[in-house]
Amino acid sequence: MKKLIFLIPFLLIIVLIDTKEQNVLIPEESLRFRVIANSDSEEDQALKMEITENLQDLITDISTANLTETIGVVNKKMDKFERVIDNTLKSNNSSMSYEINLGYNYFPEKNYKGVTYQEGNYQSLVITLGKGQGKNWWCVLYPPLCDLEMDQKSDVEYKLYIKEILNKF
C-alpha cells in the first residue's frame, strides 16, 4: 500500500510533464534549424550529433525580439557556423562536404511529442552533411525552442521507465 501511495504522485508528475511537452507548438512565424546527416550509419549519426553539440553555443546565443532580427543575427554568424563545422570535420579526419542554407527549406511531415507538423517549405537554417540522406536533428531558433538535452530524449524512454516501475508491483 505504501508503494502505491508513492507511485501515484510519481506517475501524475510524469503524465503532467508529458502533457506539457505535447502542447509545445511551432508558431507560424518561426525560424527552424535542422542538421541532416550524410546517412543513417553509426559514424554519420555520431558526426551529426557532434556538429550539433559543437554548434550549441552559437544556437543558444541567438536571443532576439522577432523573426527578422533572428535571421539577421544568424546571417551575421554564418562564418562562425562554417568554422565550427569545418573544425569538427577536421577533428574527425573527415573530408565530407556540407551545405548551409538560410531561407525557405523543405521539411517532411514530422510527428513530435504527439503533435504532427505538416510537410512544407519553412523559413529555416539547414545544414546538410554529405548526401543528406540520414536522420536529422532539428529545433526552432525563433522563438527559441532549442534544447539539445530534451531533443535527444524520446517518449519511448519515458514509457519504458514507467513500465519498469509498474512491473515491480
C-alpha atoms as a PDB file:
ATOM      1  CA  MET A   1       0.000   0.000   0.000  1.00  0.00           C
ATOM      2  CA  LYS A   2       2.852   2.395   0.853  1.00  0.00           C
ATOM      3  CA  LYS A   3       4.440   1.694  -2.531  1.00  0.00           C
ATOM      4  CA  LEU A   4       1.170   2.518  -4.265  1.00  0.00           C
ATOM      5  CA  ILE A   5       0.875   5.824  -2.385  1.00  0.00           C
ATOM      6  CA  PHE A   6       4.375   6.750  -3.561  1.00  0.00           C
ATOM      7  CA  LEU A   7       3.718   5.569  -7.115  1.00  0.00           C
ATOM      8  CA  ILE A   8       0.524   7.571  -7.755  1.00  0.00           C
ATOM      9  CA  PRO A   9       2.073  11.070  -7.282  1.00  0.00           C
ATOM     10  CA  PHE A  10       5.126   9.997  -9.265  1.00  0.00           C
ATOM     11  CA  LEU A  11       3.001   8.843 -12.201  1.00  0.00           C
ATOM     12  CA  LEU A  12       0.908  12.018 -12.011  1.00  0.00           C
ATOM     13  CA  ILE A  13       4.058  14.140 -12.299  1.00  0.00           C
ATOM     14  CA  ILE A  14       5.265  12.131 -15.323  1.00  0.00           C
ATOM     15  CA  VAL A  15       1.871  12.485 -17.029  1.00  0.00           C
ATOM     16  CA  LEU A  16       1.789  16.251 -16.372  1.00  0.00           C
ATOM     17  CA  ILE A  17       5.304  16.714 -17.735  1.00  0.00           C
ATOM     18  CA  ASP A  18       4.481  14.632 -20.812  1.00  0.00           C
ATOM     19  CA  THR A  19       1.247  16.587 -21.392  1.00  0.00           C
ATOM     20  CA  LYS A  20       3.060  19.906 -21.055  1.00  0.00           C
ATOM     21  CA  GLU A  21       5.659  18.890 -23.673  1.00  0.00           C
ATOM     22  CA  GLN A  22       2.955  17.810 -26.116  1.00  0.00           C
ATOM     23  CA  ASN A  23       1.424  21.279 -26.084  1.00  0.00           C
ATOM     24  CA  VAL A  24       4.574  22.953 -27.424  1.00  0.00           C
ATOM     25  CA  LEU A  25       3.793  24.036 -30.972  1.00  0.00           C
ATOM     26  CA  ILE A  26       5.968  25.687 -33.564  1.00  0.00           C
ATOM     27  CA  PRO A  27       4.354  29.054 -34.290  1.00  0.00           C
ATOM     28  CA  GLU A  28       3.706  30.205 -37.857  1.00  0.00           C
ATOM     29  CA  GLU A  29       6.362  32.917 -37.517  1.00  0.00           C
ATOM     30  CA  SER A  30       9.436  30.880 -36.704  1.00  0.00           C
ATOM     31  CA  LEU A  31      12.942  30.019 -37.819  1.00  0.00           C
ATOM     32  CA  ARG A  32      13.588  26.302 -37.766  1.00  0.00           C
ATOM     33  CA  PHE A  33      17.035  24.739 -37.536  1.00  0.00           C
ATOM     34  CA  ARG A  34      17.952  21.359 -38.942  1.00  0.00           C
ATOM     35  CA  VAL A  35      21.149  19.303 -39.264  1.00  0.00           C
ATOM     36  CA  ILE A  36      20.813  16.410 -41.715  1.00  0.00           C
ATOM     37  CA  ALA A  37      23.283  13.528 -41.516  1.00  0.00           C
ATOM     38  CA  ASN A  38      25.009  12.078 -44.561  1.00  0.00           C
ATOM     39  CA  SER A  39      23.431   8.665 -43.847  1.00  0.00           C
ATOM     40  CA  ASP A  40      21.993   6.598 -41.017  1.00  0.00           C
ATOM     41  CA  SER A  41      25.303   4.843 -40.351  1.00  0.00           C
ATOM     42  CA  GLU A  42      26.512   4.981 -36.764  1.00  0.00           C
ATOM     43  CA  GLU A  43      29.504   7.108 -37.788  1.00  0.00           C
ATOM     44  CA  ASP A  44      27.445   9.642 -39.756  1.00  0.00           C
ATOM     45  CA  GLN A  45      24.860   9.954 -36.991  1.00  0.00           C
ATOM     46  CA  ALA A  46      27.617  10.443 -34.394  1.00  0.00           C
ATOM     47  CA  LEU A  47      29.219  13.124 -36.579  1.00  0.00           C
ATOM     48  CA  LYS A  48      25.855  14.886 -36.986  1.00  0.00           C
ATOM     49  CA  MET A  49      25.378  14.935 -33.208  1.00  0.00           C
ATOM     50  CA  GLU A  50      28.937  16.147 -32.579  1.00  0.00           C
ATOM     51  CA  ILE A  51      28.414  19.012 -35.020  1.00  0.00           C
ATOM     52  CA  THR A  52      25.070  19.815 -33.389  1.00  0.00           C
ATOM     53  CA  GLU A  53      26.646  19.798 -29.930  1.00  0.00           C
ATOM     54  CA  ASN A  54      29.519  21.992 -31.111  1.00  0.00           C
ATOM     55  CA  LEU A  55      27.009  24.469 -32.577  1.00  0.00           C
ATOM     56  CA  GLN A  56      25.036  24.598 -29.317  1.00  0.00           C
ATOM     57  CA  ASP A  57      26.791  27.738 -28.015  1.00  0.00           C
ATOM     58  CA  LEU A  58      26.015  29.600 -31.247  1.00  0.00           C
ATOM     59  CA  ILE A  59      22.409  28.412 -31.157  1.00  0.00           C
ATOM     60  CA  THR A  60      21.722  29.349 -27.552  1.00  0.00           C
ATOM     61  CA  ASP A  61      23.449  32.698 -28.012  1.00  0.00           C
ATOM     62  CA  ILE A  62      20.782  33.793 -30.523  1.00  0.00           C
ATOM     63  CA  SER A  63      18.345  35.821 -28.452  1.00  0.00           C
ATOM     64  CA  THR A  64      16.249  38.323 -30.354  1.00  0.00           C
ATOM     65  CA  ALA A  65      12.870  40.025 -30.211  1.00  0.00           C
ATOM     66  CA  ASN A  66      11.496  38.941 -33.578  1.00  0.00           C
ATOM     67  CA  LEU A  67      11.979  36.722 -36.619  1.00  0.00           C
ATOM     68  CA  THR A  68      13.583  39.376 -38.822  1.00  0.00           C
ATOM     69  CA  GLU A  69      16.153  40.173 -36.150  1.00  0.00           C
ATOM     70  CA  THR A  70      16.887  36.451 -35.642  1.00  0.00           C
ATOM     71  CA  ILE A  71      17.505  35.935 -39.364  1.00  0.00           C
ATOM     72  CA  GLY A  72      19.860  38.932 -39.326  1.00  0.00           C
ATOM     73  CA  VAL A  73      21.830  37.542 -36.372  1.00  0.00           C
ATOM     74  CA  VAL A  74      22.073  34.089 -37.973  1.00  0.00           C
ATOM     75  CA  ASN A  75      23.253  35.683 -41.230  1.00  0.00           C
ATOM     76  CA  LYS A  76      25.992  37.574 -39.377  1.00  0.00           C
ATOM     77  CA  LYS A  77      27.119  34.382 -37.623  1.00  0.00           C
ATOM     78  CA  MET A  78      27.204  32.257 -40.789  1.00  0.00           C
ATOM     79  CA  ASP A  79      31.010  32.277 -40.874  1.00  0.00           C
ATOM     80  CA  LYS A  80      31.061  31.030 -37.260  1.00  0.00           C
ATOM     81  CA  PHE A  81      28.700  28.188 -38.176  1.00  0.00           C
ATOM     82  CA  GLU A  82      31.034  27.245 -41.039  1.00  0.00           C
ATOM     83  CA  ARG A  83      34.105  27.447 -38.801  1.00  0.00           C
ATOM     84  CA  VAL A  84      32.554  25.125 -36.190  1.00  0.00           C
ATOM     85  CA  ILE A  85      31.535  22.614 -38.862  1.00  0.00           C
ATOM     86  CA  ASP A  86      34.962  22.783 -40.554  1.00  0.00           C
ATOM     87  CA  ASN A  87      36.763  22.285 -37.226  1.00  0.00           C
ATOM     88  CA  THR A  88      34.519  19.376 -36.251  1.00  0.00           C
ATOM     89  CA  LEU A  89      35.033  17.660 -39.597  1.00  0.00           C
ATOM     90  CA  LYS A  90      38.780  18.248 -39.382  1.00  0.00           C
ATOM     91  CA  SER A  91      38.984  16.848 -35.829  1.00  0.00           C
ATOM     92  CA  ASN A  92      37.189  13.729 -37.096  1.00  0.00           C
ATOM     93  CA  ASN A  93      39.561  13.390 -40.074  1.00  0.00           C
ATOM     94  CA  SER A  94      36.583  13.826 -42.382  1.00  0.00           C
ATOM     95  CA  SER A  95      36.625  15.446 -45.799  1.00  0.00           C
ATOM     96  CA  MET A  96      32.826  15.284 -46.005  1.00  0.00           C
ATOM     97  CA  SER A  97      31.190  18.132 -47.863  1.00  0.00           C
ATOM     98  CA  TYR A  98      28.347  20.134 -46.370  1.00  0.00           C
ATOM     99  CA  GLU A  99      25.890  22.814 -47.362  1.00  0.00           C
ATOM    100  CA  ILE A 100      24.334  25.557 -45.254  1.00  0.00           C
ATOM    101  CA  ASN A 101      21.113  27.132 -46.453  1.00  0.00           C
ATOM    102  CA  LEU A 102      19.324  30.003 -44.717  1.00  0.00           C
ATOM    103  CA  GLY A 103      15.950  30.582 -46.339  1.00  0.00           C
ATOM    104  CA  TYR A 104      12.916  28.512 -47.215  1.00  0.00           C
ATOM    105  CA  ASN A 105      13.720  24.815 -46.998  1.00  0.00           C
ATOM    106  CA  TYR A 106      11.585  21.704 -47.347  1.00  0.00           C
ATOM    107  CA  PHE A 107      10.622  19.833 -44.185  1.00  0.00           C
ATOM    108  CA  PRO A 108       8.875  16.450 -44.359  1.00  0.00           C
ATOM    109  CA  GLU A 109       5.872  15.743 -42.133  1.00  0.00           C
ATOM    110  CA  LYS A 110       7.046  15.186 -38.583  1.00  0.00           C
ATOM    111  CA  ASN A 111       5.254  13.777 -35.561  1.00  0.00           C
ATOM    112  CA  TYR A 112       6.964  15.045 -32.439  1.00  0.00           C
ATOM    113  CA  LYS A 113       5.689  14.617 -28.887  1.00  0.00           C
ATOM    114  CA  GLY A 114       2.179  13.914 -30.087  1.00  0.00           C
ATOM    115  CA  VAL A 115       1.994  16.883 -32.472  1.00  0.00           C
ATOM    116  CA  THR A 116       2.048  16.447 -36.253  1.00  0.00           C
ATOM    117  CA  TYR A 117       3.867  19.175 -38.156  1.00  0.00           C
ATOM    118  CA  GLN A 118       2.844  19.368 -41.798  1.00  0.00           C
ATOM    119  CA  GLU A 119       5.369  18.998 -44.591  1.00  0.00           C
ATOM    120  CA  GLY A 120       6.238  22.120 -46.489  1.00  0.00           C
ATOM    121  CA  ASN A 121       8.774  24.852 -47.072  1.00  0.00           C
ATOM    122  CA  TYR A 122       9.624  26.748 -43.907  1.00  0.00           C
ATOM    123  CA  GLN A 123      11.935  29.635 -43.062  1.00  0.00           C
ATOM    124  CA  SER A 124      14.953  27.796 -41.704  1.00  0.00           C
ATOM    125  CA  LEU A 125      18.658  27.251 -41.343  1.00  0.00           C
ATOM    126  CA  VAL A 126      19.515  23.814 -42.730  1.00  0.00           C
ATOM    127  CA  ILE A 127      22.921  22.170 -42.592  1.00  0.00           C
ATOM    128  CA  THR A 128      23.184  19.168 -44.896  1.00  0.00           C
ATOM    129  CA  LEU A 129      26.152  16.866 -44.378  1.00  0.00           C
ATOM    130  CA  GLY A 130      27.387  14.910 -47.397  1.00  0.00           C
ATOM    131  CA  LYS A 131      24.472  13.377 -49.318  1.00  0.00           C
ATOM    132  CA  GLY A 132      21.967  14.383 -46.634  1.00  0.00           C
ATOM    133  CA  GLN A 133      20.235  11.006 -46.663  1.00  0.00           C
ATOM    134  CA  GLY A 134      20.296  10.347 -42.912  1.00  0.00           C
ATOM    135  CA  LYS A 135      18.130  11.169 -39.948  1.00  0.00           C
ATOM    136  CA  ASN A 136      18.175  14.765 -38.855  1.00  0.00           C
ATOM    137  CA  TRP A 137      18.305  16.752 -35.651  1.00  0.00           C
ATOM    138  CA  TRP A 138      16.041  19.785 -35.504  1.00  0.00           C
ATOM    139  CA  CYS A 139      14.771  22.526 -33.255  1.00  0.00           C
ATOM    140  CA  VAL A 140      13.435  26.069 -33.521  1.00  0.00           C
ATOM    141  CA  LEU A 141      15.751  29.104 -33.314  1.00  0.00           C
ATOM    142  CA  TYR A 142      12.903  31.619 -33.154  1.00  0.00           C
ATOM    143  CA  PRO A 143      11.096  31.599 -30.896  1.00  0.00           C
ATOM    144  CA  PRO A 144      13.921  29.875 -29.031  1.00  0.00           C
ATOM    145  CA  LEU A 145      12.762  26.263 -28.582  1.00  0.00           C
ATOM    146  CA  CYS A 146      16.139  24.542 -28.935  1.00  0.00           C
ATOM    147  CA  ASP A 147      17.143  22.237 -26.133  1.00  0.00           C
ATOM    148  CA  LEU A 148      19.809  19.721 -27.080  1.00  0.00           C
ATOM    149  CA  GLU A 149      19.240  17.586 -23.985  1.00  0.00           C
ATOM    150  CA  MET A 150      15.471  17.401 -24.433  1.00  0.00           C
ATOM    151  CA  ASP A 151      15.619  16.649 -28.140  1.00  0.00           C
ATOM    152  CA  GLN A 152      17.839  13.624 -27.592  1.00  0.00           C
ATOM    153  CA  LYS A 153      15.229  12.019 -25.332  1.00  0.00           C
ATOM    154  CA  SER A 154      12.262  10.178 -26.722  1.00  0.00           C
ATOM    155  CA  ASP A 155       8.803   9.451 -25.401  1.00  0.00           C
ATOM    156  CA  VAL A 156       9.637   5.756 -25.628  1.00  0.00           C
ATOM    157  CA  GLU A 157      12.308   6.094 -22.944  1.00  0.00           C
ATOM    158  CA  TYR A 158       9.791   7.651 -20.544  1.00  0.00           C
ATOM    159  CA  LYS A 159       7.203   4.965 -21.268  1.00  0.00           C
ATOM    160  CA  LEU A 160       9.723   2.178 -20.771  1.00  0.00           C
ATOM    161  CA  TYR A 161      10.838   3.689 -17.470  1.00  0.00           C
ATOM    162  CA  ILE A 162       7.246   3.836 -16.210  1.00  0.00           C
ATOM    163  CA  LYS A 163       6.676   0.314 -17.480  1.00  0.00           C
ATOM    164  CA  GLU A 164       9.671  -0.904 -15.453  1.00  0.00           C
ATOM    165  CA  ILE A 165       8.316   0.702 -12.282  1.00  0.00           C
ATOM    166  CA  LEU A 166       4.865  -0.783 -12.813  1.00  0.00           C
ATOM    167  CA  ASN A 167       6.350  -4.226 -13.439  1.00  0.00           C
ATOM    168  CA  LYS A 168       7.897  -4.133  -9.959  1.00  0.00           C
ATOM    169  CA  PHE A 169       4.417  -4.109  -8.416  1.00  0.00           C
END
